[in-house]
N, C-alpha and C. Protein backbone atom coordinates (compact mmCIF):
# COMPACT_ATOMS: atom_id res chain seq x y z
N MET A 1 204.02 147.09 194.09
CA MET A 1 203.98 148.10 193.05
C MET A 1 205.37 148.26 192.42
N THR A 2 205.36 148.63 191.18
CA THR A 2 206.62 148.86 190.48
C THR A 2 206.81 150.35 190.24
N ASP A 3 208.03 150.71 189.92
CA ASP A 3 208.31 152.10 189.58
C ASP A 3 207.64 152.42 188.26
N GLY A 4 207.25 153.65 188.09
CA GLY A 4 206.61 154.04 186.84
C GLY A 4 206.59 155.55 186.71
N PRO A 5 205.85 156.04 185.76
CA PRO A 5 205.87 157.47 185.46
C PRO A 5 205.07 158.35 186.43
N TYR A 6 204.29 157.74 187.33
CA TYR A 6 203.44 158.54 188.22
C TYR A 6 203.98 158.57 189.64
N ARG A 7 203.88 159.75 190.25
CA ARG A 7 204.21 159.96 191.65
C ARG A 7 202.98 160.56 192.31
N ALA A 8 202.64 160.05 193.49
CA ALA A 8 201.43 160.50 194.18
C ALA A 8 201.42 162.00 194.40
N ASP A 9 202.55 162.57 194.72
CA ASP A 9 202.60 164.00 195.02
C ASP A 9 202.64 164.89 193.77
N GLU A 10 202.75 164.28 192.58
CA GLU A 10 202.83 165.06 191.35
C GLU A 10 201.71 164.78 190.36
N THR A 11 200.86 163.81 190.65
CA THR A 11 199.83 163.40 189.71
C THR A 11 198.71 164.43 189.64
N GLN A 12 198.37 164.83 188.43
CA GLN A 12 197.27 165.76 188.17
C GLN A 12 196.18 165.02 187.42
N LEU A 13 194.95 165.23 187.81
CA LEU A 13 193.82 164.55 187.19
C LEU A 13 193.83 164.69 185.67
N MET A 14 193.93 165.90 185.19
CA MET A 14 193.78 166.15 183.76
C MET A 14 194.95 165.67 182.92
N SER A 15 196.03 165.23 183.54
CA SER A 15 197.16 164.71 182.77
C SER A 15 197.39 163.23 183.04
N SER A 16 196.48 162.60 183.77
CA SER A 16 196.68 161.19 184.09
C SER A 16 196.14 160.29 182.98
N LEU A 17 196.73 159.14 182.84
CA LEU A 17 196.28 158.17 181.86
C LEU A 17 194.84 157.74 182.13
N GLY A 18 194.50 157.58 183.39
CA GLY A 18 193.12 157.20 183.75
C GLY A 18 192.11 158.19 183.22
N TYR A 19 192.42 159.47 183.33
CA TYR A 19 191.54 160.51 182.81
C TYR A 19 191.36 160.34 181.30
N TYR A 20 192.46 160.16 180.59
CA TYR A 20 192.39 160.04 179.13
C TYR A 20 191.66 158.76 178.70
N LEU A 21 191.88 157.67 179.40
CA LEU A 21 191.18 156.43 179.05
C LEU A 21 189.68 156.58 179.28
N THR A 22 189.29 157.19 180.40
CA THR A 22 187.88 157.39 180.70
C THR A 22 187.25 158.34 179.68
N LYS A 23 187.94 159.41 179.38
CA LYS A 23 187.42 160.38 178.40
C LYS A 23 187.29 159.74 177.02
N ALA A 24 188.29 158.95 176.61
CA ALA A 24 188.24 158.27 175.31
C ALA A 24 187.06 157.30 175.26
N ARG A 25 186.85 156.55 176.31
CA ARG A 25 185.72 155.62 176.37
C ARG A 25 184.40 156.37 176.27
N ASN A 26 184.27 157.46 177.02
CA ASN A 26 183.03 158.23 177.00
C ASN A 26 182.74 158.83 175.63
N VAL A 27 183.76 159.33 174.96
CA VAL A 27 183.59 159.89 173.61
C VAL A 27 183.14 158.79 172.65
N LEU A 28 183.76 157.63 172.75
CA LEU A 28 183.40 156.50 171.88
C LEU A 28 181.98 156.02 172.15
N VAL A 29 181.59 155.94 173.42
CA VAL A 29 180.23 155.52 173.77
C VAL A 29 179.21 156.52 173.24
N GLU A 30 179.47 157.81 173.40
CA GLU A 30 178.54 158.83 172.91
C GLU A 30 178.39 158.75 171.39
N ARG A 31 179.49 158.59 170.69
CA ARG A 31 179.44 158.49 169.22
C ARG A 31 178.69 157.21 168.81
N THR A 32 178.95 156.12 169.51
CA THR A 32 178.28 154.85 169.21
C THR A 32 176.79 154.95 169.50
N ASP A 33 176.42 155.58 170.62
CA ASP A 33 175.00 155.78 170.94
C ASP A 33 174.28 156.49 169.80
N ARG A 34 174.90 157.53 169.25
CA ARG A 34 174.28 158.27 168.14
C ARG A 34 174.14 157.37 166.90
N ALA A 35 175.14 156.54 166.65
CA ALA A 35 175.12 155.69 165.45
C ALA A 35 174.07 154.58 165.54
N VAL A 36 173.85 154.04 166.72
CA VAL A 36 172.92 152.90 166.85
C VAL A 36 171.51 153.33 167.26
N LYS A 37 171.32 154.61 167.52
CA LYS A 37 169.99 155.10 167.93
C LYS A 37 168.90 154.76 166.90
N PRO A 38 169.17 154.88 165.58
CA PRO A 38 168.13 154.51 164.62
C PRO A 38 167.69 153.05 164.71
N LEU A 39 168.53 152.19 165.25
CA LEU A 39 168.16 150.78 165.43
C LEU A 39 167.34 150.57 166.70
N GLY A 40 167.28 151.60 167.56
CA GLY A 40 166.59 151.47 168.83
C GLY A 40 167.48 150.87 169.91
N LEU A 41 168.79 150.98 169.72
CA LEU A 41 169.76 150.41 170.67
C LEU A 41 170.64 151.50 171.26
N THR A 42 171.36 151.11 172.31
CA THR A 42 172.39 151.96 172.90
C THR A 42 173.72 151.22 172.80
N ALA A 43 174.80 151.96 173.00
CA ALA A 43 176.13 151.35 172.96
C ALA A 43 176.22 150.21 173.97
N GLN A 44 175.63 150.38 175.13
CA GLN A 44 175.66 149.35 176.17
C GLN A 44 174.96 148.07 175.69
N GLN A 45 173.90 148.22 174.94
CA GLN A 45 173.10 147.06 174.52
C GLN A 45 173.71 146.29 173.36
N ILE A 46 174.53 146.92 172.55
CA ILE A 46 175.04 146.22 171.37
C ILE A 46 175.98 145.08 171.75
N GLY A 47 176.64 145.18 172.89
CA GLY A 47 177.50 144.08 173.34
C GLY A 47 176.72 142.79 173.49
N VAL A 48 175.54 142.88 174.07
CA VAL A 48 174.69 141.70 174.25
C VAL A 48 174.30 141.13 172.89
N ILE A 49 173.87 141.99 171.98
CA ILE A 49 173.46 141.54 170.64
C ILE A 49 174.61 140.82 169.95
N LEU A 50 175.80 141.41 170.01
CA LEU A 50 176.96 140.81 169.33
C LEU A 50 177.42 139.53 170.01
N MET A 51 177.38 139.48 171.32
CA MET A 51 177.78 138.25 172.04
C MET A 51 176.82 137.10 171.70
N LEU A 52 175.53 137.38 171.65
CA LEU A 52 174.56 136.34 171.32
C LEU A 52 174.69 135.94 169.85
N SER A 53 174.86 136.91 168.99
CA SER A 53 174.99 136.64 167.55
C SER A 53 176.20 135.77 167.24
N SER A 54 177.30 136.04 167.92
CA SER A 54 178.53 135.28 167.68
C SER A 54 178.59 133.98 168.47
N ARG A 55 177.57 133.73 169.26
CA ARG A 55 177.46 132.52 170.10
C ARG A 55 178.58 132.43 171.14
N ARG A 56 179.09 133.58 171.57
CA ARG A 56 180.09 133.60 172.64
C ARG A 56 179.42 133.49 174.00
N ALA A 57 178.09 133.64 174.02
CA ALA A 57 177.31 133.48 175.24
C ALA A 57 175.89 133.11 174.84
N SER A 58 175.22 132.37 175.71
CA SER A 58 173.82 132.02 175.43
C SER A 58 172.96 132.05 176.68
N THR A 59 173.54 132.42 177.82
CA THR A 59 172.78 132.53 179.06
C THR A 59 173.11 133.86 179.73
N PRO A 60 172.22 134.33 180.62
CA PRO A 60 172.54 135.57 181.34
C PRO A 60 173.85 135.46 182.13
N PHE A 61 174.11 134.31 182.72
CA PHE A 61 175.35 134.14 183.48
C PHE A 61 176.57 134.29 182.58
N GLU A 62 176.55 133.63 181.41
CA GLU A 62 177.68 133.72 180.48
C GLU A 62 177.88 135.16 180.00
N LEU A 63 176.78 135.84 179.72
CA LEU A 63 176.88 137.24 179.30
C LEU A 63 177.47 138.11 180.40
N SER A 64 176.98 137.93 181.62
CA SER A 64 177.48 138.72 182.76
C SER A 64 178.97 138.54 182.92
N ARG A 65 179.40 137.30 182.84
CA ARG A 65 180.82 137.00 183.01
C ARG A 65 181.66 137.58 181.87
N ALA A 66 181.21 137.37 180.64
CA ALA A 66 181.97 137.83 179.48
C ALA A 66 182.03 139.36 179.39
N MET A 67 180.99 140.02 179.85
CA MET A 67 180.91 141.47 179.73
C MET A 67 181.25 142.20 181.04
N SER A 68 181.60 141.44 182.07
CA SER A 68 181.96 142.00 183.38
C SER A 68 180.83 142.84 183.98
N TYR A 69 179.61 142.30 183.93
CA TYR A 69 178.44 142.94 184.53
C TYR A 69 178.00 142.10 185.72
N ASP A 70 177.46 142.74 186.73
CA ASP A 70 176.85 141.97 187.82
C ASP A 70 175.50 141.47 187.33
N SER A 71 174.97 140.46 188.00
CA SER A 71 173.74 139.82 187.52
C SER A 71 172.55 140.77 187.51
N GLY A 72 172.47 141.68 188.47
CA GLY A 72 171.37 142.64 188.49
C GLY A 72 171.40 143.58 187.30
N SER A 73 172.57 144.09 186.98
CA SER A 73 172.71 144.97 185.81
C SER A 73 172.37 144.23 184.53
N MET A 74 172.83 142.98 184.42
CA MET A 74 172.55 142.20 183.22
C MET A 74 171.06 141.93 183.10
N THR A 75 170.40 141.62 184.21
CA THR A 75 168.95 141.39 184.17
C THR A 75 168.22 142.62 183.66
N ARG A 76 168.58 143.80 184.15
CA ARG A 76 167.93 145.03 183.70
C ARG A 76 168.20 145.28 182.21
N LEU A 77 169.42 145.02 181.78
CA LEU A 77 169.78 145.19 180.38
C LEU A 77 168.98 144.23 179.49
N LEU A 78 168.88 142.98 179.91
CA LEU A 78 168.11 142.00 179.15
C LEU A 78 166.62 142.33 179.16
N ASP A 79 166.11 142.83 180.28
CA ASP A 79 164.71 143.25 180.34
C ASP A 79 164.42 144.30 179.27
N ARG A 80 165.32 145.30 179.14
CA ARG A 80 165.12 146.36 178.15
C ARG A 80 165.18 145.80 176.73
N LEU A 81 166.16 144.91 176.48
CA LEU A 81 166.29 144.33 175.13
C LEU A 81 165.11 143.44 174.79
N GLU A 82 164.60 142.73 175.77
CA GLU A 82 163.44 141.88 175.54
C GLU A 82 162.20 142.74 175.26
N LYS A 83 162.03 143.80 176.03
CA LYS A 83 160.88 144.70 175.84
C LYS A 83 160.92 145.36 174.46
N LYS A 84 162.12 145.66 173.97
CA LYS A 84 162.28 146.27 172.65
C LYS A 84 162.15 145.25 171.52
N GLY A 85 162.16 143.96 171.85
CA GLY A 85 161.97 142.93 170.83
C GLY A 85 163.24 142.39 170.20
N PHE A 86 164.40 142.60 170.83
CA PHE A 86 165.66 142.11 170.28
C PHE A 86 166.04 140.72 170.78
N VAL A 87 165.60 140.39 171.99
CA VAL A 87 166.02 139.16 172.67
C VAL A 87 164.80 138.47 173.25
N VAL A 88 164.84 137.13 173.29
CA VAL A 88 163.81 136.37 174.00
C VAL A 88 164.51 135.40 174.94
N ARG A 89 163.91 135.25 176.10
CA ARG A 89 164.40 134.28 177.08
C ARG A 89 163.52 133.04 177.01
N THR A 90 164.17 131.88 177.05
CA THR A 90 163.43 130.61 177.11
C THR A 90 164.08 129.72 178.15
N ARG A 91 163.32 128.78 178.66
CA ARG A 91 163.85 127.80 179.61
C ARG A 91 164.45 126.63 178.84
N SER A 92 165.54 126.13 179.35
CA SER A 92 166.20 124.97 178.75
C SER A 92 165.31 123.74 178.93
N ASP A 93 165.21 122.92 177.88
CA ASP A 93 164.46 121.67 177.99
C ASP A 93 165.18 120.70 178.93
N ALA A 94 166.49 120.73 178.91
CA ALA A 94 167.28 119.81 179.74
C ALA A 94 167.25 120.18 181.22
N ASP A 95 167.22 121.47 181.53
CA ASP A 95 167.23 121.93 182.91
C ASP A 95 166.37 123.19 182.99
N ARG A 96 165.18 123.06 183.50
CA ARG A 96 164.22 124.16 183.53
C ARG A 96 164.72 125.37 184.33
N ARG A 97 165.71 125.17 185.17
CA ARG A 97 166.27 126.29 185.93
C ARG A 97 167.14 127.18 185.05
N MET A 98 167.59 126.65 183.94
CA MET A 98 168.51 127.35 183.03
C MET A 98 167.73 128.23 182.06
N VAL A 99 168.08 129.50 182.00
CA VAL A 99 167.48 130.44 181.05
C VAL A 99 168.42 130.56 179.86
N LYS A 100 167.87 130.33 178.68
CA LYS A 100 168.62 130.48 177.44
C LYS A 100 168.18 131.78 176.76
N LEU A 101 169.10 132.42 176.10
CA LEU A 101 168.83 133.66 175.40
C LEU A 101 168.96 133.45 173.90
N GLU A 102 168.06 134.05 173.16
CA GLU A 102 168.12 133.97 171.70
C GLU A 102 167.77 135.33 171.13
N LEU A 103 168.38 135.63 170.01
CA LEU A 103 168.02 136.84 169.29
C LEU A 103 166.73 136.60 168.52
N THR A 104 165.89 137.60 168.47
CA THR A 104 164.69 137.57 167.63
C THR A 104 165.11 137.92 166.21
N PRO A 105 164.21 137.83 165.24
CA PRO A 105 164.55 138.31 163.90
C PRO A 105 165.04 139.77 163.92
N GLN A 106 164.43 140.61 164.74
CA GLN A 106 164.86 142.00 164.87
C GLN A 106 166.29 142.06 165.44
N GLY A 107 166.59 141.18 166.39
CA GLY A 107 167.93 141.12 166.97
C GLY A 107 168.96 140.67 165.94
N HIS A 108 168.60 139.68 165.13
CA HIS A 108 169.51 139.22 164.07
C HIS A 108 169.76 140.31 163.03
N GLU A 109 168.72 141.07 162.70
CA GLU A 109 168.88 142.17 161.74
C GLU A 109 169.80 143.25 162.32
N ALA A 110 169.64 143.55 163.59
CA ALA A 110 170.53 144.53 164.23
C ALA A 110 171.97 144.00 164.22
N ALA A 111 172.15 142.72 164.54
CA ALA A 111 173.49 142.12 164.56
C ALA A 111 174.14 142.19 163.18
N ARG A 112 173.33 142.08 162.15
CA ARG A 112 173.84 142.17 160.78
C ARG A 112 174.34 143.59 160.47
N GLN A 113 173.66 144.59 161.00
CA GLN A 113 174.01 145.99 160.71
C GLN A 113 175.11 146.54 161.61
N LEU A 114 175.28 145.97 162.79
CA LEU A 114 176.21 146.54 163.76
C LEU A 114 177.68 146.59 163.32
N PRO A 115 178.21 145.57 162.64
CA PRO A 115 179.62 145.69 162.22
C PRO A 115 179.88 146.90 161.33
N GLY A 116 178.98 147.19 160.41
CA GLY A 116 179.16 148.36 159.55
C GLY A 116 179.09 149.66 160.32
N LEU A 117 178.13 149.74 161.25
CA LEU A 117 178.01 150.94 162.08
C LEU A 117 179.24 151.11 162.97
N GLY A 118 179.68 150.00 163.54
CA GLY A 118 180.87 150.04 164.40
C GLY A 118 182.11 150.47 163.64
N ALA A 119 182.27 149.95 162.43
CA ALA A 119 183.42 150.32 161.62
C ALA A 119 183.39 151.81 161.30
N ALA A 120 182.21 152.33 160.97
CA ALA A 120 182.09 153.75 160.66
C ALA A 120 182.44 154.61 161.87
N VAL A 121 181.95 154.21 163.04
CA VAL A 121 182.25 154.95 164.28
C VAL A 121 183.75 154.95 164.54
N LEU A 122 184.36 153.78 164.48
CA LEU A 122 185.80 153.68 164.76
C LEU A 122 186.63 154.43 163.72
N ASN A 123 186.25 154.33 162.46
CA ASN A 123 187.00 155.04 161.43
C ASN A 123 186.92 156.55 161.64
N GLU A 124 185.76 157.04 162.03
CA GLU A 124 185.62 158.47 162.30
C GLU A 124 186.45 158.86 163.53
N GLN A 125 186.44 158.01 164.54
CA GLN A 125 187.19 158.30 165.76
C GLN A 125 188.70 158.24 165.51
N LEU A 126 189.12 157.45 164.54
CA LEU A 126 190.54 157.30 164.22
C LEU A 126 190.99 158.22 163.07
N ARG A 127 190.15 159.16 162.71
CA ARG A 127 190.48 160.12 161.65
C ARG A 127 191.83 160.78 161.96
N GLY A 128 192.73 160.77 160.98
CA GLY A 128 194.04 161.37 161.16
C GLY A 128 195.10 160.41 161.70
N PHE A 129 194.70 159.22 162.09
CA PHE A 129 195.66 158.21 162.57
C PHE A 129 196.19 157.45 161.35
N SER A 130 197.48 157.19 161.35
CA SER A 130 198.05 156.35 160.30
C SER A 130 197.80 154.88 160.66
N ALA A 131 198.03 153.98 159.71
CA ALA A 131 197.90 152.55 159.99
C ALA A 131 198.87 152.16 161.11
N GLU A 132 200.05 152.76 161.09
CA GLU A 132 201.04 152.47 162.14
C GLU A 132 200.57 153.00 163.50
N ASP A 133 199.99 154.20 163.53
CA ASP A 133 199.43 154.75 164.77
C ASP A 133 198.38 153.80 165.34
N HIS A 134 197.49 153.33 164.46
CA HIS A 134 196.43 152.42 164.88
C HIS A 134 197.00 151.14 165.47
N ALA A 135 197.95 150.54 164.77
CA ALA A 135 198.57 149.30 165.25
C ALA A 135 199.27 149.52 166.59
N THR A 136 199.94 150.65 166.74
CA THR A 136 200.63 150.97 167.99
C THR A 136 199.63 151.15 169.12
N LEU A 137 198.54 151.86 168.85
CA LEU A 137 197.51 152.07 169.87
C LEU A 137 196.94 150.73 170.35
N ILE A 138 196.61 149.86 169.42
CA ILE A 138 196.07 148.53 169.77
C ILE A 138 197.10 147.74 170.58
N GLU A 139 198.33 147.74 170.14
CA GLU A 139 199.37 146.98 170.85
C GLU A 139 199.59 147.51 172.26
N LEU A 140 199.66 148.83 172.41
CA LEU A 140 199.88 149.41 173.73
C LEU A 140 198.69 149.17 174.66
N LEU A 141 197.48 149.34 174.16
CA LEU A 141 196.31 149.08 175.00
C LEU A 141 196.22 147.60 175.37
N GLY A 142 196.57 146.71 174.45
CA GLY A 142 196.59 145.28 174.76
C GLY A 142 197.56 144.97 175.89
N ARG A 143 198.73 145.57 175.84
CA ARG A 143 199.72 145.37 176.92
C ARG A 143 199.21 145.96 178.22
N PHE A 144 198.61 147.14 178.16
CA PHE A 144 198.06 147.79 179.34
C PHE A 144 197.01 146.91 180.00
N ILE A 145 196.10 146.36 179.19
CA ILE A 145 195.05 145.48 179.70
C ILE A 145 195.64 144.20 180.27
N ALA A 146 196.61 143.61 179.57
CA ALA A 146 197.23 142.36 180.04
C ALA A 146 197.88 142.55 181.40
N ASN A 147 198.43 143.74 181.68
CA ASN A 147 199.03 144.00 182.99
C ASN A 147 198.01 143.92 184.12
N GLY A 148 196.75 144.10 183.81
CA GLY A 148 195.71 144.04 184.83
C GLY A 148 195.04 142.69 184.94
N LEU A 149 195.46 141.73 184.15
CA LEU A 149 194.79 140.42 184.13
C LEU A 149 195.47 139.37 184.98
N GLY A 150 196.22 139.75 185.95
CA GLY A 150 196.87 138.77 186.81
C GLY A 150 198.35 139.02 186.87
N ASP A 151 199.11 137.94 186.85
CA ASP A 151 200.56 138.05 187.02
C ASP A 151 201.28 138.50 185.75
N GLY A 152 200.53 138.72 184.67
CA GLY A 152 201.14 139.23 183.44
C GLY A 152 201.51 138.14 182.47
N ALA A 153 202.54 137.36 182.76
CA ALA A 153 203.08 136.40 181.80
C ALA A 153 202.06 135.36 181.37
N GLY A 154 201.25 134.86 182.29
CA GLY A 154 200.32 133.80 181.93
C GLY A 154 198.92 134.29 181.64
N ALA A 155 198.68 135.57 181.75
CA ALA A 155 197.33 136.09 181.58
C ALA A 155 196.95 136.11 180.11
N ALA A 156 195.76 135.66 179.82
CA ALA A 156 195.25 135.69 178.45
C ALA A 156 194.38 136.92 178.29
N CYS A 157 194.51 137.57 177.16
CA CYS A 157 193.71 138.76 176.89
C CYS A 157 192.93 138.52 175.62
N GLU A 158 191.59 138.56 175.72
CA GLU A 158 190.75 138.36 174.55
C GLU A 158 190.45 139.67 173.85
N CYS A 159 191.17 140.71 174.17
CA CYS A 159 190.83 142.01 173.62
C CYS A 159 191.95 142.58 172.79
N GLY A 160 192.90 141.78 172.42
CA GLY A 160 194.07 142.28 171.70
C GLY A 160 193.85 142.39 170.22
N PRO A 161 194.91 142.70 169.50
CA PRO A 161 194.82 142.91 168.06
C PRO A 161 194.62 141.59 167.32
N PRO A 162 194.14 141.67 166.08
CA PRO A 162 194.02 140.47 165.27
C PRO A 162 195.38 139.80 165.11
N ALA A 163 195.38 138.55 164.76
CA ALA A 163 196.60 137.75 164.69
C ALA A 163 197.69 138.41 163.84
N GLU A 164 197.31 139.00 162.68
CA GLU A 164 198.33 139.59 161.84
C GLU A 164 199.00 140.79 162.53
N SER A 165 198.24 141.56 163.32
CA SER A 165 198.83 142.68 164.05
C SER A 165 199.71 142.19 165.18
N ALA A 166 199.29 141.11 165.83
CA ALA A 166 200.07 140.57 166.94
C ALA A 166 201.42 140.09 166.45
N GLN A 167 201.46 139.53 165.24
CA GLN A 167 202.73 139.04 164.70
C GLN A 167 203.68 140.18 164.39
N GLU A 168 203.10 141.34 164.06
CA GLU A 168 203.93 142.48 163.74
C GLU A 168 204.40 143.21 164.98
N SER A 169 203.83 142.88 166.16
CA SER A 169 204.17 143.64 167.36
C SER A 169 205.59 143.35 167.82
N SER A 170 206.08 144.21 168.65
CA SER A 170 207.44 144.15 169.15
C SER A 170 207.75 142.83 169.83
N GLU A 171 208.97 142.35 169.65
CA GLU A 171 209.37 141.11 170.29
C GLU A 171 209.55 141.28 171.79
N GLU A 172 209.57 142.52 172.26
CA GLU A 172 209.66 142.75 173.70
C GLU A 172 208.40 142.32 174.41
N SER A 173 207.26 142.32 173.71
CA SER A 173 206.01 141.92 174.32
C SER A 173 206.03 140.42 174.55
N PRO A 174 205.83 139.96 175.80
CA PRO A 174 206.00 138.56 176.15
C PRO A 174 204.89 137.65 175.67
N GLN A 175 203.81 138.18 175.17
CA GLN A 175 202.70 137.30 174.77
C GLN A 175 202.04 137.81 173.51
N LYS A 176 201.42 136.89 172.79
CA LYS A 176 200.61 137.24 171.65
C LYS A 176 199.20 137.43 172.17
N LEU A 177 198.51 138.43 171.69
CA LEU A 177 197.17 138.71 172.14
C LEU A 177 196.19 138.13 171.12
N GLY A 178 195.12 137.50 171.61
CA GLY A 178 194.17 136.82 170.75
C GLY A 178 193.16 137.74 170.12
N ASP A 179 192.37 137.18 169.20
CA ASP A 179 191.31 137.93 168.51
C ASP A 179 190.19 138.25 169.45
N GLU A 180 189.48 139.30 169.14
CA GLU A 180 188.27 139.67 169.88
C GLU A 180 187.15 138.76 169.48
């Protein structure tokens, strides 16, 4: 462990970074749930739709890995999406043991609408933030996440700011963070 701003004997729940990160995530999830409810989706489910739409995953295993879900949770999530008509599972012709995932027309339509809904949610959540505040928040969270991805210097983070923001970030940051 390294020295830092927290001491075990002085740490208070309501003033800890963990509390604020959890609270911020919960507020964002609740706002997102309200925004995607008319589509018949939840905030949890839109990740699957977007991952399949962008072709970043095409199997339950790839989705589980990319989204940090255990296989049981992913199966239940896919069951709900399949029942709602957003996703279909098929067996691979090359290897019948392999399950492939595809969006249905309803899933593709949802994927088309999600970027606009997501932008509206984020813009509302960032109300009152300047462009500089936003860039700083992204840069700091990217560094925070990178610290948890291994030894730091060699860890890759797929959750950082877009390339133009990364170029503007402080030279003290040892790595450039990639696009989402």
